[in-house]
């Protein structure tokens, strides 16, 4: 499992936001906790029936992976995610992670769970907190019955684009990559690649006016904001994450 370097890495060298190579320590075994000081992430949240574990091996020949799930009877605030605070008001932000959700079946109706968010500090003091510039959620659909929905936050922090982009997932490990560009209408955008290694041709794009935000300063990966139907039907089923990386400019790829 790799985390944003400038960032930190659980295993081998990865590229950080500056586009330079940073050598991570090669570990003989996985850390017991993904968060600091032993792990690579800034923090973690596990509550309300959420379950998190670092397992070995990971996906794509990595040493470590991140397993997330909800226990039976988990409540509405159930969460199991890691957090990276190393971005600094990034006007352009790229991320990439591996995802395996094969256990999530049968999957239909109102079942949904959040997988990833890229957040910005809220520039409006009265509102406080942070805003989700991009949110990715697992929803039913596609050939495998599982797909990811991407929605982009507009400048008031409460509305989202009316037509989110949806990409189907394949069986096994999937590669999810995104690019967030902060800007006014016509320049603000979200580009998404799912199992797509061609930087010139995103799988999908969302055009959005997000110029009011200060830029990406936090990324969250894991499970949160689930529907009651998801929690009751998918209890104890593990969704796997691995190979997280983030940068300012360059395409990350497989």
C-alpha atoms as a PDB file:
ATOM      1  CA  UNK A   1       0.000   0.000   0.000  1.00  0.00           C
ATOM      2  CA  UNK A   2       1.540   3.282  -1.083  1.00  0.00           C
ATOM      3  CA  UNK A   3       0.638   6.658   0.310  1.00  0.00           C
ATOM      4  CA  UNK A   4       1.248  10.138  -0.989  1.00  0.00           C
ATOM      5  CA  UNK A   5       4.937  10.939  -0.639  1.00  0.00           C
ATOM      6  CA  UNK A   6       6.021  14.321   0.357  1.00  0.00           C
ATOM      7  CA  UNK A   7       4.388  12.233   1.283  1.00  0.00           C
ATOM      8  CA  UNK A   8       5.154   8.824   2.649  1.00  0.00           C
ATOM      9  CA  UNK A   9       5.427   5.258   1.387  1.00  0.00           C
ATOM     10  CA  UNK A  10       4.798   1.917   3.028  1.00  0.00           C
ATOM     11  CA  UNK A  11       7.102   0.081   0.681  1.00  0.00           C
ATOM     12  CA  UNK A  12       9.200   1.099  -2.303  1.00  0.00           C
ATOM     13  CA  UNK A  13       9.905   4.500  -3.866  1.00  0.00           C
ATOM     14  CA  UNK A  14       6.977   6.424  -5.296  1.00  0.00           C
ATOM     15  CA  UNK A  15       6.630   9.811  -6.913  1.00  0.00           C
ATOM     16  CA  UNK A  16       5.512  12.743  -4.828  1.00  0.00           C
ATOM     17  CA  UNK A  17       3.585  15.878  -5.618  1.00  0.00           C
ATOM     18  CA  UNK A  18       6.724  17.693  -6.713  1.00  0.00           C
ATOM     19  CA  UNK A  19       7.299  15.117  -9.441  1.00  0.00           C
ATOM     20  CA  UNK A  20      10.572  13.994  -7.855  1.00  0.00           C
ATOM     21  CA  UNK A  21      11.445  10.492  -6.731  1.00  0.00           C
ATOM     22  CA  UNK A  22      11.404   9.910  -3.000  1.00  0.00           C
ATOM     23  CA  UNK A  23      12.907   6.706  -1.655  1.00  0.00           C
ATOM     24  CA  UNK A  24      10.683   4.999   0.873  1.00  0.00           C
ATOM     25  CA  UNK A  25      12.017   2.421   3.278  1.00  0.00           C
ATOM     26  CA  UNK A  26      11.756  -1.143   2.056  1.00  0.00           C
ATOM     27  CA  UNK A  27       9.980  -2.956   4.887  1.00  0.00           C
ATOM     28  CA  UNK A  28      10.449  -6.584   5.825  1.00  0.00           C
ATOM     29  CA  UNK A  29       6.863  -6.718   7.062  1.00  0.00           C
ATOM     30  CA  UNK A  30       3.721  -4.632   6.945  1.00  0.00           C
ATOM     31  CA  UNK A  31       3.159  -2.080   9.704  1.00  0.00           C
ATOM     32  CA  UNK A  32       0.400  -2.877  12.151  1.00  0.00           C
ATOM     33  CA  UNK A  33      -1.278   0.498  11.656  1.00  0.00           C
ATOM     34  CA  UNK A  34      -1.651   2.498   8.399  1.00  0.00           C
ATOM     35  CA  UNK A  35      -1.497   5.840  10.245  1.00  0.00           C
ATOM     36  CA  UNK A  36       1.460   7.665  11.716  1.00  0.00           C
ATOM     37  CA  UNK A  37       3.863   7.057  13.346  1.00  0.00           C
ATOM     38  CA  UNK A  38       4.260   3.470  12.090  1.00  0.00           C
ATOM     39  CA  UNK A  39       2.316   3.761   8.834  1.00  0.00           C
ATOM     40  CA  UNK A  40       2.368   6.033   5.829  1.00  0.00           C
ATOM     41  CA  UNK A  41      -0.889   7.919   6.276  1.00  0.00           C
ATOM     42  CA  UNK A  42      -1.656  11.098   8.214  1.00  0.00           C
ATOM     43  CA  UNK A  43      -4.497   9.453  10.105  1.00  0.00           C
ATOM     44  CA  UNK A  44      -7.334   6.948  10.049  1.00  0.00           C
ATOM     45  CA  UNK A  45     -10.986   6.798  11.111  1.00  0.00           C
ATOM     46  CA  UNK A  46     -12.604   3.523  12.188  1.00  0.00           C
ATOM     47  CA  UNK A  47     -15.940   3.913  13.957  1.00  0.00           C
ATOM     48  CA  UNK A  48     -19.569   2.851  14.149  1.00  0.00           C
ATOM     49  CA  UNK A  49     -18.874  -0.754  13.185  1.00  0.00           C
ATOM     50  CA  UNK A  50     -16.133  -0.079  10.655  1.00  0.00           C
ATOM     51  CA  UNK A  51     -13.277  -2.588  10.339  1.00  0.00           C
ATOM     52  CA  UNK A  52      -9.763  -1.961   8.960  1.00  0.00           C
ATOM     53  CA  UNK A  53      -6.750  -4.229   8.547  1.00  0.00           C
ATOM     54  CA  UNK A  54      -3.409  -4.144   6.742  1.00  0.00           C
ATOM     55  CA  UNK A  55      -2.950  -7.468   4.999  1.00  0.00           C
ATOM     56  CA  UNK A  56      -0.215  -9.141   3.000  1.00  0.00           C
ATOM     57  CA  UNK A  57       0.233  -9.549   0.127  1.00  0.00           C
ATOM     58  CA  UNK A  58      -1.414  -6.538  -1.484  1.00  0.00           C
ATOM     59  CA  UNK A  59      -2.448  -6.145  -5.098  1.00  0.00           C
ATOM     60  CA  UNK A  60      -0.079  -5.782  -8.057  1.00  0.00           C
ATOM     61  CA  UNK A  61       2.800  -7.560  -6.232  1.00  0.00           C
ATOM     62  CA  UNK A  62       2.893  -5.038  -3.372  1.00  0.00           C
ATOM     63  CA  UNK A  63       3.778  -6.159   0.134  1.00  0.00           C
ATOM     64  CA  UNK A  64       0.805  -4.581   1.898  1.00  0.00           C
ATOM     65  CA  UNK A  65      -2.825  -3.848   1.135  1.00  0.00           C
ATOM     66  CA  UNK A  66      -5.683  -2.207   3.006  1.00  0.00           C
ATOM     67  CA  UNK A  67      -8.844  -4.210   3.810  1.00  0.00           C
ATOM     68  CA  UNK A  68     -11.992  -2.320   4.803  1.00  0.00           C
ATOM     69  CA  UNK A  69     -15.461  -3.523   5.784  1.00  0.00           C
ATOM     70  CA  UNK A  70     -18.453  -2.960   8.074  1.00  0.00           C
ATOM     71  CA  UNK A  71     -19.536  -5.320  10.823  1.00  0.00           C
ATOM     72  CA  UNK A  72     -23.089  -6.622  11.028  1.00  0.00           C
ATOM     73  CA  UNK A  73     -25.241  -4.031  12.744  1.00  0.00           C
ATOM     74  CA  UNK A  74     -22.984  -1.111  11.771  1.00  0.00           C
ATOM     75  CA  UNK A  75     -24.648   2.266  12.200  1.00  0.00           C
ATOM     76  CA  UNK A  76     -25.167   5.238   9.924  1.00  0.00           C
ATOM     77  CA  UNK A  77     -21.803   6.774  10.863  1.00  0.00           C
ATOM     78  CA  UNK A  78     -19.852   3.590  10.129  1.00  0.00           C
ATOM     79  CA  UNK A  79     -16.448   4.456   8.655  1.00  0.00           C
ATOM     80  CA  UNK A  80     -13.194   2.736   7.806  1.00  0.00           C
ATOM     81  CA  UNK A  81     -10.805   5.037   5.952  1.00  0.00           C
ATOM     82  CA  UNK A  82      -7.303   6.496   5.900  1.00  0.00           C
ATOM     83  CA  UNK A  83      -6.462  10.183   5.415  1.00  0.00           C
ATOM     84  CA  UNK A  84      -3.589  11.974   3.679  1.00  0.00           C
ATOM     85  CA  UNK A  85      -3.006  15.598   4.697  1.00  0.00           C
ATOM     86  CA  UNK A  86       0.200  16.205   2.759  1.00  0.00           C
ATOM     87  CA  UNK A  87      -1.285  18.059  -0.271  1.00  0.00           C
ATOM     88  CA  UNK A  88      -1.168  21.839   0.181  1.00  0.00           C
ATOM     89  CA  UNK A  89      -3.957  23.780  -1.558  1.00  0.00           C
ATOM     90  CA  UNK A  90      -3.194  21.997  -4.832  1.00  0.00           C
ATOM     91  CA  UNK A  91      -4.770  23.712  -7.848  1.00  0.00           C
ATOM     92  CA  UNK A  92      -4.038  20.570  -9.868  1.00  0.00           C
ATOM     93  CA  UNK A  93      -4.133  17.223  -8.093  1.00  0.00           C
ATOM     94  CA  UNK A  94      -3.714  13.703  -9.449  1.00  0.00           C
ATOM     95  CA  UNK A  95      -4.405  10.479  -7.571  1.00  0.00           C
ATOM     96  CA  UNK A  96      -4.336   6.766  -8.361  1.00  0.00           C
ATOM     97  CA  UNK A  97      -5.312   3.682  -6.356  1.00  0.00           C
ATOM     98  CA  UNK A  98      -6.112   0.015  -6.888  1.00  0.00           C
ATOM     99  CA  UNK A  99      -9.537  -1.293  -5.880  1.00  0.00           C
ATOM    100  CA  UNK A 100     -11.030  -4.783  -5.585  1.00  0.00           C
ATOM    101  CA  UNK A 101     -14.729  -4.994  -4.681  1.00  0.00           C
ATOM    102  CA  UNK A 102     -15.456  -8.538  -5.904  1.00  0.00           C
ATOM    103  CA  UNK A 103     -17.034  -9.560  -2.581  1.00  0.00           C
ATOM    104  CA  UNK A 104     -19.790  -6.949  -2.946  1.00  0.00           C
ATOM    105  CA  UNK A 105     -22.566  -9.116  -4.334  1.00  0.00           C
ATOM    106  CA  UNK A 106     -25.503  -9.287  -4.814  1.00  0.00           C
ATOM    107  CA  UNK A 107     -25.505  -5.533  -5.253  1.00  0.00           C
ATOM    108  CA  UNK A 108     -28.596  -3.621  -6.286  1.00  0.00           C
ATOM    109  CA  UNK A 109     -31.163  -0.990  -5.451  1.00  0.00           C
ATOM    110  CA  UNK A 110     -30.145   1.722  -3.000  1.00  0.00           C
ATOM    111  CA  UNK A 111     -26.882   0.133  -1.934  1.00  0.00           C
ATOM    112  CA  UNK A 112     -24.001   2.640  -2.035  1.00  0.00           C
ATOM    113  CA  UNK A 113     -20.784   3.419  -0.169  1.00  0.00           C
ATOM    114  CA  UNK A 114     -18.212   6.208  -0.524  1.00  0.00           C
ATOM    115  CA  UNK A 115     -14.713   5.092  -1.576  1.00  0.00           C
ATOM    116  CA  UNK A 116     -12.636   8.246  -2.018  1.00  0.00           C
ATOM    117  CA  UNK A 117     -12.816  12.016  -1.629  1.00  0.00           C
ATOM    118  CA  UNK A 118     -10.475  14.860  -2.550  1.00  0.00           C
ATOM    119  CA  UNK A 119     -11.205  17.769  -0.207  1.00  0.00           C
ATOM    120  CA  UNK A 120     -10.454  21.469  -0.006  1.00  0.00           C
ATOM    121  CA  UNK A 121     -10.531  23.839   2.937  1.00  0.00           C
ATOM    122  CA  UNK A 122     -13.755  25.840   2.880  1.00  0.00           C
ATOM    123  CA  UNK A 123     -12.901  29.499   2.141  1.00  0.00           C
ATOM    124  CA  UNK A 124     -16.191  30.675   3.627  1.00  0.00           C
ATOM    125  CA  UNK A 125     -15.727  31.049   7.406  1.00  0.00           C
ATOM    126  CA  UNK A 126     -19.427  30.801   8.153  1.00  0.00           C
ATOM    127  CA  UNK A 127     -19.581  27.362   6.557  1.00  0.00           C
ATOM    128  CA  UNK A 128     -16.444  26.013   8.222  1.00  0.00           C
ATOM    129  CA  UNK A 129     -14.851  22.614   7.737  1.00  0.00           C
ATOM    130  CA  UNK A 130     -13.849  21.317   4.329  1.00  0.00           C
ATOM    131  CA  UNK A 131     -15.675  20.567   1.094  1.00  0.00           C
ATOM    132  CA  UNK A 132     -15.583  17.558  -1.183  1.00  0.00           C
ATOM    133  CA  UNK A 133     -14.236  18.734  -4.518  1.00  0.00           C
ATOM    134  CA  UNK A 134     -14.498  15.157  -5.803  1.00  0.00           C
ATOM    135  CA  UNK A 135     -16.335  12.150  -4.389  1.00  0.00           C
ATOM    136  CA  UNK A 136     -16.177   8.568  -5.713  1.00  0.00           C
ATOM    137  CA  UNK A 137     -18.757   6.006  -4.578  1.00  0.00           C
ATOM    138  CA  UNK A 138     -19.403   2.338  -5.284  1.00  0.00           C
ATOM    139  CA  UNK A 139     -22.881   1.814  -6.750  1.00  0.00           C
ATOM    140  CA  UNK A 140     -24.706  -1.072  -8.490  1.00  0.00           C
ATOM    141  CA  UNK A 141     -24.509  -1.513 -12.257  1.00  0.00           C
ATOM    142  CA  UNK A 142     -22.250  -2.573 -15.103  1.00  0.00           C
ATOM    143  CA  UNK A 143     -21.321  -6.052 -16.310  1.00  0.00           C
ATOM    144  CA  UNK A 144     -19.964  -7.154 -12.919  1.00  0.00           C
ATOM    145  CA  UNK A 145     -22.790  -5.471 -11.026  1.00  0.00           C
ATOM    146  CA  UNK A 146     -20.378  -2.891  -9.586  1.00  0.00           C
ATOM    147  CA  UNK A 147     -19.419   0.553 -10.841  1.00  0.00           C
ATOM    148  CA  UNK A 148     -17.982   3.781  -9.493  1.00  0.00           C
ATOM    149  CA  UNK A 149     -19.839   7.093  -9.563  1.00  0.00           C
ATOM    150  CA  UNK A 150     -17.814  10.322  -9.569  1.00  0.00           C
ATOM    151  CA  UNK A 151     -19.407  13.620  -8.574  1.00  0.00           C
ATOM    152  CA  UNK A 152     -17.785  17.058  -8.442  1.00  0.00           C
ATOM    153  CA  UNK A 153     -18.500  19.758  -5.882  1.00  0.00           C
ATOM    154  CA  UNK A 154     -19.566  23.210  -7.052  1.00  0.00           C
ATOM    155  CA  UNK A 155     -18.615  26.451  -5.354  1.00  0.00           C
ATOM    156  CA  UNK A 156     -21.280  26.523  -2.668  1.00  0.00           C
ATOM    157  CA  UNK A 157     -20.128  23.198  -1.259  1.00  0.00           C
ATOM    158  CA  UNK A 158     -23.580  21.647  -1.146  1.00  0.00           C
ATOM    159  CA  UNK A 159     -24.599  21.143  -4.771  1.00  0.00           C
ATOM    160  CA  UNK A 160     -23.063  18.561  -7.094  1.00  0.00           C
ATOM    161  CA  UNK A 161     -23.138  18.225 -10.859  1.00  0.00           C
ATOM    162  CA  UNK A 162     -26.486  16.919 -12.005  1.00  0.00           C
ATOM    163  CA  UNK A 163     -25.032  14.231 -14.282  1.00  0.00           C
ATOM    164  CA  UNK A 164     -22.213  12.408 -12.469  1.00  0.00           C
ATOM    165  CA  UNK A 165     -19.812  10.287 -14.484  1.00  0.00           C
ATOM    166  CA  UNK A 166     -20.110   6.531 -13.936  1.00  0.00           C
ATOM    167  CA  UNK A 167     -17.523   3.878 -14.864  1.00  0.00           C
ATOM    168  CA  UNK A 168     -18.001   0.081 -14.620  1.00  0.00           C
ATOM    169  CA  UNK A 169     -15.558  -2.048 -12.642  1.00  0.00           C
ATOM    170  CA  UNK A 170     -14.005  -5.256 -13.902  1.00  0.00           C
ATOM    171  CA  UNK A 171     -13.569  -8.383 -11.818  1.00  0.00           C
ATOM    172  CA  UNK A 172     -10.414  -8.418  -9.712  1.00  0.00           C
ATOM    173  CA  UNK A 173      -8.108  -5.448  -9.232  1.00  0.00           C
ATOM    174  CA  UNK A 174      -9.195  -2.175 -10.850  1.00  0.00           C
ATOM    175  CA  UNK A 175      -7.038   0.906 -11.354  1.00  0.00           C
ATOM    176  CA  UNK A 176      -8.786   4.190 -10.586  1.00  0.00           C
ATOM    177  CA  UNK A 177      -7.004   7.435 -11.474  1.00  0.00           C
ATOM    178  CA  UNK A 178      -8.253  10.994 -11.375  1.00  0.00           C
ATOM    179  CA  UNK A 179      -7.160  14.554 -12.039  1.00  0.00           C
ATOM    180  CA  UNK A 180      -8.753  17.513 -10.255  1.00  0.00           C
ATOM    181  CA  UNK A 181      -8.262  20.960 -11.796  1.00  0.00           C
ATOM    182  CA  UNK A 182      -9.460  23.963  -9.793  1.00  0.00           C
ATOM    183  CA  UNK A 183     -10.910  26.695 -11.999  1.00  0.00           C
ATOM    184  CA  UNK A 184     -13.905  28.721 -13.142  1.00  0.00           C
ATOM    185  CA  UNK A 185     -16.517  27.493 -15.587  1.00  0.00           C
ATOM    186  CA  UNK A 186     -14.764  26.160 -18.669  1.00  0.00           C
ATOM    187  CA  UNK A 187     -11.453  25.529 -16.895  1.00  0.00           C
ATOM    188  CA  UNK A 188     -12.420  23.653 -13.723  1.00  0.00           C
ATOM    189  CA  UNK A 189     -12.686  19.940 -14.431  1.00  0.00           C
ATOM    190  CA  UNK A 190     -12.398  16.377 -13.197  1.00  0.00           C
ATOM    191  CA  UNK A 191     -10.789  13.777 -15.472  1.00  0.00           C
ATOM    192  CA  UNK A 192     -11.161  10.085 -14.624  1.00  0.00           C
ATOM    193  CA  UNK A 193      -9.355   6.974 -15.878  1.00  0.00           C
ATOM    194  CA  UNK A 194     -10.654   3.532 -14.861  1.00  0.00           C
ATOM    195  CA  UNK A 195      -8.547   0.590 -16.062  1.00  0.00           C
ATOM    196  CA  UNK A 196      -7.270   2.984 -18.700  1.00  0.00           C
ATOM    197  CA  UNK A 197      -3.547   3.617 -19.167  1.00  0.00           C
ATOM    198  CA  UNK A 198      -3.857   6.238 -21.908  1.00  0.00           C
ATOM    199  CA  UNK A 199      -3.256   9.713 -20.432  1.00  0.00           C
ATOM    200  CA  UNK A 200      -4.548  11.450 -23.563  1.00  0.00           C
ATOM    201  CA  UNK A 201      -8.002   9.852 -23.422  1.00  0.00           C
ATOM    202  CA  UNK A 202      -9.767   9.903 -20.034  1.00  0.00           C
ATOM    203  CA  UNK A 203     -12.533   7.388 -19.472  1.00  0.00           C
ATOM    204  CA  UNK A 204     -14.733  10.336 -18.580  1.00  0.00           C
ATOM    205  CA  UNK A 205     -14.677  13.999 -17.599  1.00  0.00           C
ATOM    206  CA  UNK A 206     -16.795  16.402 -15.556  1.00  0.00           C
ATOM    207  CA  UNK A 207     -16.660  20.126 -16.282  1.00  0.00           C
ATOM    208  CA  UNK A 208     -17.317  22.186 -13.159  1.00  0.00           C
ATOM    209  CA  UNK A 209     -16.838  25.667 -11.721  1.00  0.00           C
ATOM    210  CA  UNK A 210     -14.853  25.018  -8.533  1.00  0.00           C
ATOM    211  CA  UNK A 211     -12.752  28.192  -8.519  1.00  0.00           C
ATOM    212  CA  UNK A 212     -14.054  29.168  -5.071  1.00  0.00           C
ATOM    213  CA  UNK A 213     -12.077  26.419  -3.382  1.00  0.00           C
ATOM    214  CA  UNK A 214      -8.515  26.928  -2.200  1.00  0.00           C
ATOM    215  CA  UNK A 215      -7.260  23.656  -3.716  1.00  0.00           C
ATOM    216  CA  UNK A 216      -6.903  20.030  -2.604  1.00  0.00           C
ATOM    217  CA  UNK A 217      -5.387  19.612   0.840  1.00  0.00           C
ATOM    218  CA  UNK A 218      -6.805  16.271   2.028  1.00  0.00           C
ATOM    219  CA  UNK A 219      -7.519  12.897   0.433  1.00  0.00           C
ATOM    220  CA  UNK A 220      -9.619  10.190   2.090  1.00  0.00           C
ATOM    221  CA  UNK A 221      -9.607   6.551   0.900  1.00  0.00           C
ATOM    222  CA  UNK A 222     -11.805   3.805   2.318  1.00  0.00           C
ATOM    223  CA  UNK A 223     -15.424   3.323   3.326  1.00  0.00           C
ATOM    224  CA  UNK A 224     -17.812   6.010   4.606  1.00  0.00           C
ATOM    225  CA  UNK A 225     -21.224   7.575   3.960  1.00  0.00           C
ATOM    226  CA  UNK A 226     -23.000   4.289   3.220  1.00  0.00           C
ATOM    227  CA  UNK A 227     -26.700   3.602   2.843  1.00  0.00           C
ATOM    228  CA  UNK A 228     -28.471   1.365   5.358  1.00  0.00           C
ATOM    229  CA  UNK A 229     -29.178  -1.079   2.529  1.00  0.00           C
ATOM    230  CA  UNK A 230     -25.455  -1.392   1.801  1.00  0.00           C
ATOM    231  CA  UNK A 231     -24.592  -1.976   5.458  1.00  0.00           C
ATOM    232  CA  UNK A 232     -27.273  -4.632   5.943  1.00  0.00           C
ATOM    233  CA  UNK A 233     -26.595  -6.509   2.700  1.00  0.00           C
ATOM    234  CA  UNK A 234     -22.782  -6.248   2.571  1.00  0.00           C
ATOM    235  CA  UNK A 235     -21.862  -6.710   6.244  1.00  0.00           C
ATOM    236  CA  UNK A 236     -18.383  -8.239   6.808  1.00  0.00           C
ATOM    237  CA  UNK A 237     -17.587  -8.183   3.069  1.00  0.00           C
ATOM    238  CA  UNK A 238     -14.119  -6.764   2.417  1.00  0.00           C
ATOM    239  CA  UNK A 239     -13.285  -4.040  -0.107  1.00  0.00           C
ATOM    240  CA  UNK A 240      -9.559  -3.907  -0.821  1.00  0.00           C
ATOM    241  CA  UNK A 241      -7.425  -0.823  -1.574  1.00  0.00           C
ATOM    242  CA  UNK A 242      -3.775  -0.592  -2.574  1.00  0.00           C
ATOM    243  CA  UNK A 243      -1.132   1.387  -4.488  1.00  0.00           C
ATOM    244  CA  UNK A 244      -2.303   4.904  -3.618  1.00  0.00           C
ATOM    245  CA  UNK A 245      -0.160   7.608  -5.231  1.00  0.00           C
ATOM    246  CA  UNK A 246      -0.703  11.316  -5.855  1.00  0.00           C
ATOM    247  CA  UNK A 247       1.075  14.044  -7.806  1.00  0.00           C
ATOM    248  CA  UNK A 248       0.623  17.577  -9.093  1.00  0.00           C
ATOM    249  CA  UNK A 249       1.125  17.111 -12.803  1.00  0.00           C
ATOM    250  CA  UNK A 250       2.191  13.833 -14.362  1.00  0.00           C
ATOM    251  CA  UNK A 251      -0.080  10.938 -15.243  1.00  0.00           C
ATOM    252  CA  UNK A 252       0.526   8.049 -12.855  1.00  0.00           C
ATOM    253  CA  UNK A 253      -0.744   5.000 -14.762  1.00  0.00           C
ATOM    254  CA  UNK A 254      -0.513   1.295 -13.957  1.00  0.00           C
END
